Amino acid sequence: MELDFNLIHITDPGDSRLGPFLHLPLRKAAGRLSEGLFIAEGRMVVERLLRSPYQPAGLVITNNKLEWCQAVVRAATNVRPDLQSLPIYVLPDDVLNQVVGFEFHSGIMGSGLRTVPPALQQLMTDWFAPRLHNAATSETLVVLPAMNSAENLGSIIRSAQGLGAAGLVLSSQSADHLSRRVIRVSMGHALAFPCWRSEDWIDDLRRLRAVGFRLIGIEHHARMQPLATAKRSTRQALIFGNEFAGLDDATLEMMDDVVGIEMQNEVDSLNVAVTAAIALHHFVPS
């Protein structure tokens, strides 16, 4: 049966239904979230939104992306029949540019509900539970106490997903993992990757250790052992510091191990997202 799409053609940039997409750069500058929604920007990211555990709220597209959009939504309804009622706002290019507040060339954006999907919530809750079954199953978490850069966070999420980490623990000081930029830099993988927003990350580190996670600080430090000789554990949490300050002394004292990448040619360290990818490649079994 041919799918009937919920197409809504709009030519007025002031239409209230476009509110979640309005003046996106200004929203970023003001640090505001969009009415309990996040924004997914670009073709590949929107495709991943439609197939993610998160609930899509709407799509906005330009006229010349309509055929492609219909094909993508039609394919996604095989997994999620509820997408048949998803609002799809169709706009001329110049109107979409006025709405979002910049020259937007990919011609498609989506919005989704920020409510954590039950499937992801259960995965994250299980991290803090004693492992009663499948004790041999390896599990690696990435812990980011103060990751301020959206670009670094998005890159780390993409690497962690691709290299087999189980999820991410973020403190309240870290960047928003559902921000438009993080989702874009992660290529949409932030929408399928468990990200625990910790209210007390020190306490959560203690809880993780209590259920068998080995705490491994990744830091260029006098106490460090070289990454090349560092041993894996069945359950392990890799802790990465702030982009500028690294891990502080109090955090390093908590670590079971401190591991670093030995540097050459007067380079003191690598970008934290690069470091995270290298460390994950070492610690996560292939």
C-alpha atoms as a PDB file:
ATOM      1  CA  MET A   1       0.000   0.000   0.000  1.00  0.00           C
ATOM      2  CA  GLU A   2       1.329   3.438  -0.898  1.00  0.00           C
ATOM      3  CA  LEU A   3       2.257   5.503   2.138  1.00  0.00           C
ATOM      4  CA  ASP A   4       0.302   8.712   2.722  1.00  0.00           C
ATOM      5  CA  PHE A   5       2.742  11.307   4.015  1.00  0.00           C
ATOM      6  CA  ASN A   6       1.838  14.083   6.413  1.00  0.00           C
ATOM      7  CA  LEU A   7       3.124  16.815   4.091  1.00  0.00           C
ATOM      8  CA  ILE A   8       2.614  20.428   5.162  1.00  0.00           C
ATOM      9  CA  HIS A   9       3.631  23.092   2.633  1.00  0.00           C
ATOM     10  CA  ILE A  10       4.688  26.385   4.237  1.00  0.00           C
ATOM     11  CA  THR A  11       5.783  29.660   2.635  1.00  0.00           C
ATOM     12  CA  ASP A  12       5.639  31.925   5.713  1.00  0.00           C
ATOM     13  CA  PRO A  13       8.903  31.857   7.743  1.00  0.00           C
ATOM     14  CA  GLY A  14       6.930  33.113  10.735  1.00  0.00           C
ATOM     15  CA  ASP A  15       4.684  30.041  10.857  1.00  0.00           C
ATOM     16  CA  SER A  16       4.580  28.936  14.512  1.00  0.00           C
ATOM     17  CA  ARG A  17       4.910  25.260  13.554  1.00  0.00           C
ATOM     18  CA  LEU A  18       8.512  25.986  12.554  1.00  0.00           C
ATOM     19  CA  GLY A  19       9.396  27.195  16.054  1.00  0.00           C
ATOM     20  CA  PRO A  20      11.869  24.377  16.906  1.00  0.00           C
ATOM     21  CA  PHE A  21      13.985  25.303  13.854  1.00  0.00           C
ATOM     22  CA  LEU A  22      13.885  29.082  14.307  1.00  0.00           C
ATOM     23  CA  HIS A  23      17.156  31.099  14.454  1.00  0.00           C
ATOM     24  CA  LEU A  24      19.374  28.170  15.398  1.00  0.00           C
ATOM     25  CA  PRO A  25      22.676  30.123  15.725  1.00  0.00           C
ATOM     26  CA  LEU A  26      21.046  32.522  18.195  1.00  0.00           C
ATOM     27  CA  ARG A  27      19.751  29.619  20.256  1.00  0.00           C
ATOM     28  CA  LYS A  28      23.264  28.216  20.433  1.00  0.00           C
ATOM     29  CA  ALA A  29      24.707  31.575  21.516  1.00  0.00           C
ATOM     30  CA  ALA A  30      22.090  31.892  24.246  1.00  0.00           C
ATOM     31  CA  GLY A  31      22.643  28.303  25.393  1.00  0.00           C
ATOM     32  CA  ARG A  32      18.933  27.534  25.184  1.00  0.00           C
ATOM     33  CA  LEU A  33      17.381  24.169  24.511  1.00  0.00           C
ATOM     34  CA  SER A  34      14.507  23.983  22.077  1.00  0.00           C
ATOM     35  CA  GLU A  35      11.318  23.194  23.987  1.00  0.00           C
ATOM     36  CA  GLY A  36      12.421  19.728  25.006  1.00  0.00           C
ATOM     37  CA  LEU A  37      13.603  18.948  21.479  1.00  0.00           C
ATOM     38  CA  PHE A  38      16.928  18.394  19.759  1.00  0.00           C
ATOM     39  CA  ILE A  39      17.828  19.176  16.147  1.00  0.00           C
ATOM     40  CA  ALA A  40      19.268  16.683  13.651  1.00  0.00           C
ATOM     41  CA  GLU A  41      20.862  18.399  10.667  1.00  0.00           C
ATOM     42  CA  GLY A  42      21.640  16.921   7.251  1.00  0.00           C
ATOM     43  CA  ARG A  43      20.658  13.888   5.197  1.00  0.00           C
ATOM     44  CA  MET A  44      22.647  11.144   6.920  1.00  0.00           C
ATOM     45  CA  VAL A  45      21.889  12.449  10.401  1.00  0.00           C
ATOM     46  CA  VAL A  46      18.149  12.628   9.673  1.00  0.00           C
ATOM     47  CA  GLU A  47      18.222   9.065   8.365  1.00  0.00           C
ATOM     48  CA  ARG A  48      19.799   7.968  11.631  1.00  0.00           C
ATOM     49  CA  LEU A  49      17.240   9.940  13.630  1.00  0.00           C
ATOM     50  CA  LEU A  50      14.399   8.093  11.910  1.00  0.00           C
ATOM     51  CA  ARG A  51      15.961   4.736  12.815  1.00  0.00           C
ATOM     52  CA  SER A  52      17.176   5.716  16.293  1.00  0.00           C
ATOM     53  CA  PRO A  53      15.532   4.883  19.642  1.00  0.00           C
ATOM     54  CA  TYR A  54      14.578   8.566  20.035  1.00  0.00           C
ATOM     55  CA  GLN A  55      11.130   9.756  18.993  1.00  0.00           C
ATOM     56  CA  PRO A  56      11.200  12.060  15.929  1.00  0.00           C
ATOM     57  CA  ALA A  57       8.942  15.117  16.253  1.00  0.00           C
ATOM     58  CA  GLY A  58       9.057  16.549  12.733  1.00  0.00           C
ATOM     59  CA  LEU A  59      11.063  17.161   9.579  1.00  0.00           C
ATOM     60  CA  VAL A  60      11.628  20.370   7.656  1.00  0.00           C
ATOM     61  CA  ILE A  61      12.786  20.071   4.042  1.00  0.00           C
ATOM     62  CA  THR A  62      13.173  22.119   0.907  1.00  0.00           C
ATOM     63  CA  ASN A  63      11.044  21.389  -2.154  1.00  0.00           C
ATOM     64  CA  ASN A  64      13.883  19.728  -4.064  1.00  0.00           C
ATOM     65  CA  LYS A  65      14.449  17.187  -1.239  1.00  0.00           C
ATOM     66  CA  LEU A  66      10.841  15.995  -1.179  1.00  0.00           C
ATOM     67  CA  GLU A  67      11.287  12.871  -3.295  1.00  0.00           C
ATOM     68  CA  TRP A  68      14.370  11.775  -1.361  1.00  0.00           C
ATOM     69  CA  CYS A  69      12.641  12.465   1.963  1.00  0.00           C
ATOM     70  CA  GLN A  70       9.605  10.399   1.018  1.00  0.00           C
ATOM     71  CA  ALA A  71      11.840   7.465   0.085  1.00  0.00           C
ATOM     72  CA  VAL A  72      13.726   7.651   3.390  1.00  0.00           C
ATOM     73  CA  VAL A  73      10.585   7.924   5.518  1.00  0.00           C
ATOM     74  CA  ARG A  74       8.930   5.122   3.542  1.00  0.00           C
ATOM     75  CA  ALA A  75      11.902   2.831   4.221  1.00  0.00           C
ATOM     76  CA  ALA A  76      11.986   3.757   7.910  1.00  0.00           C
ATOM     77  CA  THR A  77       8.288   2.948   8.389  1.00  0.00           C
ATOM     78  CA  ASN A  78       9.179  -0.719   7.905  1.00  0.00           C
ATOM     79  CA  VAL A  79      10.777  -0.450  11.356  1.00  0.00           C
ATOM     80  CA  ARG A  80       8.650   2.366  12.783  1.00  0.00           C
ATOM     81  CA  PRO A  81       5.089   2.461  11.403  1.00  0.00           C
ATOM     82  CA  ASP A  82       4.304   5.526  13.551  1.00  0.00           C
ATOM     83  CA  LEU A  83       6.419   7.647  11.190  1.00  0.00           C
ATOM     84  CA  GLN A  84       3.524   7.720   8.747  1.00  0.00           C
ATOM     85  CA  SER A  85       2.015  10.539  10.824  1.00  0.00           C
ATOM     86  CA  LEU A  86       5.297  12.439  11.231  1.00  0.00           C
ATOM     87  CA  PRO A  87       4.841  16.109  10.196  1.00  0.00           C
ATOM     88  CA  ILE A  88       6.986  16.950   7.162  1.00  0.00           C
ATOM     89  CA  TYR A  89       7.180  20.700   6.573  1.00  0.00           C
ATOM     90  CA  VAL A  90       8.052  21.524   2.957  1.00  0.00           C
ATOM     91  CA  LEU A  91       9.548  24.982   2.311  1.00  0.00           C
ATOM     92  CA  PRO A  92      11.199  26.908  -0.505  1.00  0.00           C
ATOM     93  CA  ASP A  93      14.995  27.210  -0.046  1.00  0.00           C
ATOM     94  CA  ASP A  94      14.929  30.898   0.775  1.00  0.00           C
ATOM     95  CA  VAL A  95      12.210  30.437   3.379  1.00  0.00           C
ATOM     96  CA  LEU A  96      14.146  27.668   5.141  1.00  0.00           C
ATOM     97  CA  ASN A  97      17.236  29.896   5.215  1.00  0.00           C
ATOM     98  CA  GLN A  98      15.181  32.659   6.827  1.00  0.00           C
ATOM     99  CA  VAL A  99      13.812  30.253   9.414  1.00  0.00           C
ATOM    100  CA  VAL A 100      17.099  28.673  10.535  1.00  0.00           C
ATOM    101  CA  GLY A 101      19.074  31.917  10.257  1.00  0.00           C
ATOM    102  CA  PHE A 102      21.887  30.862   7.918  1.00  0.00           C
ATOM    103  CA  GLU A 103      22.494  29.507   4.409  1.00  0.00           C
ATOM    104  CA  PHE A 104      21.520  25.869   4.837  1.00  0.00           C
ATOM    105  CA  HIS A 105      22.572  23.776   1.874  1.00  0.00           C
ATOM    106  CA  SER A 106      21.657  20.182   2.702  1.00  0.00           C
ATOM    107  CA  GLY A 107      17.958  21.014   2.664  1.00  0.00           C
ATOM    108  CA  ILE A 108      16.713  18.747   5.456  1.00  0.00           C
ATOM    109  CA  MET A 109      16.522  18.913   9.235  1.00  0.00           C
ATOM    110  CA  GLY A 110      14.677  16.924  11.826  1.00  0.00           C
ATOM    111  CA  SER A 111      13.662  17.423  15.423  1.00  0.00           C
ATOM    112  CA  GLY A 112      13.252  14.786  18.095  1.00  0.00           C
ATOM    113  CA  LEU A 113      12.103  14.477  21.685  1.00  0.00           C
ATOM    114  CA  ARG A 114      14.861  14.670  24.298  1.00  0.00           C
ATOM    115  CA  THR A 115      13.168  12.061  26.502  1.00  0.00           C
ATOM    116  CA  VAL A 116      15.650   9.218  27.009  1.00  0.00           C
ATOM    117  CA  PRO A 117      14.301   6.109  25.236  1.00  0.00           C
ATOM    118  CA  PRO A 118      13.578   3.173  27.579  1.00  0.00           C
ATOM    119  CA  ALA A 119      15.963   0.903  25.667  1.00  0.00           C
ATOM    120  CA  LEU A 120      18.909   3.247  26.234  1.00  0.00           C
ATOM    121  CA  GLN A 121      17.878   3.958  29.821  1.00  0.00           C
ATOM    122  CA  GLN A 122      17.891   0.237  30.633  1.00  0.00           C
ATOM    123  CA  LEU A 123      21.344  -0.257  29.117  1.00  0.00           C
ATOM    124  CA  MET A 124      22.712   2.573  31.266  1.00  0.00           C
ATOM    125  CA  THR A 125      20.988   1.370  34.443  1.00  0.00           C
ATOM    126  CA  ASP A 126      22.561  -2.058  33.928  1.00  0.00           C
ATOM    127  CA  TRP A 127      26.066  -0.549  34.077  1.00  0.00           C
ATOM    128  CA  PHE A 128      25.611   0.047  37.789  1.00  0.00           C
ATOM    129  CA  ALA A 129      24.267  -3.427  38.552  1.00  0.00           C
ATOM    130  CA  PRO A 130      26.449  -6.359  39.629  1.00  0.00           C
ATOM    131  CA  ARG A 131      27.064  -8.668  36.677  1.00  0.00           C
ATOM    132  CA  LEU A 132      25.207 -11.889  37.470  1.00  0.00           C
ATOM    133  CA  HIS A 133      25.274 -13.464  34.047  1.00  0.00           C
ATOM    134  CA  ASN A 134      27.672 -13.450  31.096  1.00  0.00           C
ATOM    135  CA  ALA A 135      30.456 -12.403  33.453  1.00  0.00           C
ATOM    136  CA  ALA A 136      32.993 -12.825  30.671  1.00  0.00           C
ATOM    137  CA  THR A 137      31.329 -10.152  28.525  1.00  0.00           C
ATOM    138  CA  SER A 138      33.678  -7.210  28.104  1.00  0.00           C
ATOM    139  CA  GLU A 139      32.278  -3.737  28.757  1.00  0.00           C
ATOM    140  CA  THR A 140      34.123  -0.440  28.284  1.00  0.00           C
ATOM    141  CA  LEU A 141      32.728   2.927  29.302  1.00  0.00           C
ATOM    142  CA  VAL A 142      34.083   6.367  28.447  1.00  0.00           C
ATOM    143  CA  VAL A 143      33.872   8.927  31.263  1.00  0.00           C
ATOM    144  CA  LEU A 144      34.145  12.645  30.443  1.00  0.00           C
ATOM    145  CA  PRO A 145      33.975  14.788  33.593  1.00  0.00           C
ATOM    146  CA  ALA A 146      34.343  18.166  31.875  1.00  0.00           C
ATOM    147  CA  MET A 147      34.256  17.849  28.094  1.00  0.00           C
ATOM    148  CA  ASN A 148      33.425  21.414  27.084  1.00  0.00           C
ATOM    149  CA  SER A 149      33.940  21.151  23.327  1.00  0.00           C
ATOM    150  CA  ALA A 150      30.949  20.013  21.287  1.00  0.00           C
ATOM    151  CA  GLU A 151      33.281  19.049  18.423  1.00  0.00           C
ATOM    152  CA  ASN A 152      35.426  16.841  20.656  1.00  0.00           C
ATOM    153  CA  LEU A 153      32.393  15.277  22.299  1.00  0.00           C
ATOM    154  CA  GLY A 154      30.782  14.480  18.946  1.00  0.00           C
ATOM    155  CA  SER A 155      34.014  12.974  17.663  1.00  0.00           C
ATOM    156  CA  ILE A 156      34.467  10.857  20.792  1.00  0.00           C
ATOM    157  CA  ILE A 157      30.898   9.544  20.538  1.00  0.00           C
ATOM    158  CA  ARG A 158      31.481   8.526  16.924  1.00  0.00           C
ATOM    159  CA  SER A 159      34.753   6.755  17.825  1.00  0.00           C
ATOM    160  CA  ALA A 160      33.254   5.094  20.894  1.00  0.00           C
ATOM    161  CA  GLN A 161      30.310   3.754  18.897  1.00  0.00           C
ATOM    162  CA  GLY A 162      32.508   2.605  16.040  1.00  0.00           C
ATOM    163  CA  LEU A 163      35.156   0.966  18.230  1.00  0.00           C
ATOM    164  CA  GLY A 164      32.733  -0.927  20.447  1.00  0.00           C
ATOM    165  CA  ALA A 165      32.421   0.988  23.729  1.00  0.00           C
ATOM    166  CA  ALA A 166      29.277   0.334  25.740  1.00  0.00           C
ATOM    167  CA  GLY A 167      28.490   3.962  26.480  1.00  0.00           C
ATOM    168  CA  LEU A 168      29.452   7.330  27.862  1.00  0.00           C
ATOM    169  CA  VAL A 169      29.252   9.002  31.282  1.00  0.00           C
ATOM    170  CA  LEU A 170      29.070  12.814  31.234  1.00  0.00           C
ATOM    171  CA  SER A 171      29.076  15.266  34.113  1.00  0.00           C
ATOM    172  CA  SER A 172      26.851  18.315  34.335  1.00  0.00           C
ATOM    173  CA  GLN A 173      29.879  20.401  33.255  1.00  0.00           C
ATOM    174  CA  SER A 174      30.193  18.564  29.941  1.00  0.00           C
ATOM    175  CA  ALA A 175      28.711  19.721  26.655  1.00  0.00           C
ATOM    176  CA  ASP A 176      25.160  18.725  25.754  1.00  0.00           C
ATOM    177  CA  HIS A 177      25.357  15.376  23.932  1.00  0.00           C
ATOM    178  CA  LEU A 178      22.090  16.186  22.123  1.00  0.00           C
ATOM    179  CA  SER A 179      23.175  19.609  20.910  1.00  0.00           C
ATOM    180  CA  ARG A 180      22.934  20.239  17.187  1.00  0.00           C
ATOM    181  CA  ARG A 181      26.709  20.373  16.780  1.00  0.00           C
ATOM    182  CA  VAL A 182      27.452  17.216  18.780  1.00  0.00           C
ATOM    183  CA  ILE A 183      24.841  15.268  16.818  1.00  0.00           C
ATOM    184  CA  ARG A 184      26.236  16.566  13.526  1.00  0.00           C
ATOM    185  CA  VAL A 185      29.908  15.870  14.358  1.00  0.00           C
ATOM    186  CA  SER A 186      29.006  12.382  15.607  1.00  0.00           C
ATOM    187  CA  MET A 187      27.263  11.820  12.240  1.00  0.00           C
ATOM    188  CA  GLY A 188      24.068  11.048  14.138  1.00  0.00           C
ATOM    189  CA  HIS A 189      25.591   8.273  16.268  1.00  0.00           C
ATOM    190  CA  ALA A 190      24.811  10.287  19.419  1.00  0.00           C
ATOM    191  CA  LEU A 191      21.187   9.232  18.811  1.00  0.00           C
ATOM    192  CA  ALA A 192      21.924   5.526  19.245  1.00  0.00           C
ATOM    193  CA  PHE A 193      24.721   5.637  21.839  1.00  0.00           C
ATOM    194  CA  PRO A 194      23.941   5.423  25.578  1.00  0.00           C
ATOM    195  CA  CYS A 195      25.034   8.692  27.258  1.00  0.00           C
ATOM    196  CA  TRP A 196      24.545   8.856  31.027  1.00  0.00           C
ATOM    197  CA  ARG A 197      24.266  12.432  32.337  1.00  0.00           C
ATOM    198  CA  SER A 198      25.647  12.084  35.863  1.00  0.00           C
ATOM    199  CA  GLU A 199      24.497  14.297  38.720  1.00  0.00           C
ATOM    200  CA  ASP A 200      27.541  13.265  40.791  1.00  0.00           C
ATOM    201  CA  TRP A 201      30.202  11.722  38.582  1.00  0.00           C
ATOM    202  CA  ILE A 202      32.631  11.044  41.460  1.00  0.00           C
ATOM    203  CA  ASP A 203      29.940   9.023  43.210  1.00  0.00           C
ATOM    204  CA  ASP A 204      29.132   7.274  39.933  1.00  0.00           C
ATOM    205  CA  LEU A 205      32.803   6.326  39.516  1.00  0.00           C
ATOM    206  CA  ARG A 206      32.678   4.745  42.961  1.00  0.00           C
ATOM    207  CA  ARG A 207      29.500   2.897  42.021  1.00  0.00           C
ATOM    208  CA  LEU A 208      31.101   1.609  38.834  1.00  0.00           C
ATOM    209  CA  ARG A 209      34.151   0.370  40.739  1.00  0.00           C
ATOM    210  CA  ALA A 210      31.859  -1.357  43.274  1.00  0.00           C
ATOM    211  CA  VAL A 211      30.292  -3.464  40.492  1.00  0.00           C
ATOM    212  CA  GLY A 212      33.612  -4.456  38.967  1.00  0.00           C
ATOM    213  CA  PHE A 213      34.737  -1.660  36.652  1.00  0.00           C
ATOM    214  CA  ARG A 214      38.458  -0.876  36.691  1.00  0.00           C
ATOM    215  CA  LEU A 215      39.021   2.889  36.602  1.00  0.00           C
ATOM    216  CA  ILE A 216      41.669   3.872  34.073  1.00  0.00           C
ATOM    217  CA  GLY A 217      42.693   7.505  33.802  1.00  0.00           C
ATOM    218  CA  ILE A 218      44.007   8.466  30.382  1.00  0.00           C
ATOM    219  CA  GLU A 219      46.552  11.179  31.082  1.00  0.00           C
ATOM    220  CA  HIS A 220      50.109  12.179  30.226  1.00  0.00           C
ATOM    221  CA  HIS A 221      51.465  12.030  33.768  1.00  0.00           C
ATOM    222  CA  ALA A 222      54.542  11.001  35.744  1.00  0.00           C
ATOM    223  CA  ARG A 223      52.605   8.036  37.143  1.00  0.00           C
ATOM    224  CA  MET A 224      51.436   6.793  33.753  1.00  0.00           C
ATOM    225  CA  GLN A 225      52.209   3.465  32.167  1.00  0.00           C
ATOM    226  CA  PRO A 226      52.547   3.423  28.378  1.00  0.00           C
ATOM    227  CA  LEU A 227      49.380   2.597  26.483  1.00  0.00           C
ATOM    228  CA  ALA A 228      51.192  -0.062  24.476  1.00  0.00           C
ATOM    229  CA  THR A 229      51.732  -2.192  27.608  1.00  0.00           C
ATOM    230  CA  ALA A 230      48.457  -1.431  29.417  1.00  0.00           C
ATOM    231  CA  LYS A 231      46.292  -4.473  30.100  1.00  0.00           C
ATOM    232  CA  ARG A 232      42.567  -4.740  29.426  1.00  0.00           C
ATOM    233  CA  SER A 233      40.006  -5.602  32.079  1.00  0.00           C
ATOM    234  CA  THR A 234      36.654  -7.288  31.563  1.00  0.00           C
ATOM    235  CA  ARG A 235      34.832  -4.214  32.847  1.00  0.00           C
ATOM    236  CA  GLN A 236      36.722  -0.958  32.494  1.00  0.00           C
ATOM    237  CA  ALA A 237      35.991   2.757  32.530  1.00  0.00           C
ATOM    238  CA  LEU A 238      38.321   5.071  30.625  1.00  0.00           C
ATOM    239  CA  ILE A 239      38.390   8.550  32.161  1.00  0.00           C
ATOM    240  CA  PHE A 240      39.494  11.513  30.014  1.00  0.00           C
ATOM    241  CA  GLY A 241      40.094  14.986  31.359  1.00  0.00           C
ATOM    242  CA  ASN A 242      39.267  18.492  30.288  1.00  0.00           C
ATOM    243  CA  GLU A 243      40.685  19.586  26.924  1.00  0.00           C
ATOM    244  CA  PHE A 244      43.029  22.101  28.593  1.00  0.00           C
ATOM    245  CA  ALA A 245      43.576  20.998  32.195  1.00  0.00           C
ATOM    246  CA  GLY A 246      43.404  17.207  31.863  1.00  0.00           C
ATOM    247  CA  LEU A 247      42.561  15.169  34.956  1.00  0.00           C
ATOM    248  CA  ASP A 248      43.128  16.851  38.300  1.00  0.00           C
ATOM    249  CA  ASP A 249      45.192  15.297  41.089  1.00  0.00           C
ATOM    250  CA  ALA A 250      42.166  14.265  43.154  1.00  0.00           C
ATOM    251  CA  THR A 251      40.728  12.323  40.212  1.00  0.00           C
ATOM    252  CA  LEU A 252      44.078  10.717  39.412  1.00  0.00           C
ATOM    253  CA  GLU A 253      44.293   9.496  43.022  1.00  0.00           C
ATOM    254  CA  MET A 254      41.037   7.582  42.473  1.00  0.00           C
ATOM    255  CA  MET A 255      42.313   5.736  39.421  1.00  0.00           C
ATOM    256  CA  ASP A 256      43.311   2.089  39.498  1.00  0.00           C
ATOM    257  CA  ASP A 257      45.666   2.810  36.610  1.00  0.00           C
ATOM    258  CA  VAL A 258      46.936   5.890  34.806  1.00  0.00           C
ATOM    259  CA  VAL A 259      47.744   5.268  31.156  1.00  0.00           C
ATOM    260  CA  GLY A 260      49.230   7.633  28.628  1.00  0.00           C
ATOM    261  CA  ILE A 261      50.468   7.813  25.063  1.00  0.00           C
ATOM    262  CA  GLU A 262      54.193   8.446  24.892  1.00  0.00           C
ATOM    263  CA  MET A 263      54.967  11.461  22.730  1.00  0.00           C
ATOM    264  CA  GLN A 264      57.920  12.408  20.551  1.00  0.00           C
ATOM    265  CA  ASN A 265      59.437  15.452  18.815  1.00  0.00           C
ATOM    266  CA  GLU A 266      58.515  17.946  21.552  1.00  0.00           C
ATOM    267  CA  VAL A 267      54.756  17.383  21.169  1.00  0.00           C
ATOM    268  CA  ASP A 268      53.306  17.323  24.672  1.00  0.00           C
ATOM    269  CA  SER A 269      49.932  15.724  23.965  1.00  0.00           C
ATOM    270  CA  LEU A 270      47.278  14.867  21.402  1.00  0.00           C
ATOM    271  CA  ASN A 271      43.794  16.303  20.979  1.00  0.00           C
ATOM    272  CA  VAL A 272      41.487  14.540  23.453  1.00  0.00           C
ATOM    273  CA  ALA A 273      39.247  13.135  20.709  1.00  0.00           C
ATOM    274  CA  VAL A 274      42.284  11.644  18.950  1.00  0.00           C
ATOM    275  CA  THR A 275      43.567  10.275  22.261  1.00  0.00           C
ATOM    276  CA  ALA A 276      40.180   8.713  22.991  1.00  0.00           C
ATOM    277  CA  ALA A 277      40.083   6.940  19.626  1.00  0.00           C
ATOM    278  CA  ILE A 278      43.599   5.527  20.097  1.00  0.00           C
ATOM    279  CA  ALA A 279      42.858   4.409  23.660  1.00  0.00           C
ATOM    280  CA  LEU A 280      39.575   2.780  22.667  1.00  0.00           C
ATOM    281  CA  HIS A 281      41.280   0.912  19.845  1.00  0.00           C
ATOM    282  CA  HIS A 282      43.712  -0.488  22.410  1.00  0.00           C
ATOM    283  CA  PHE A 283      41.307  -1.292  25.236  1.00  0.00           C
ATOM    284  CA  VAL A 284      38.178  -2.529  23.443  1.00  0.00           C
ATOM    285  CA  PRO A 285      38.523  -6.094  22.110  1.00  0.00           C
ATOM    286  CA  SER A 286      37.993  -6.279  18.357  1.00  0.00           C
END
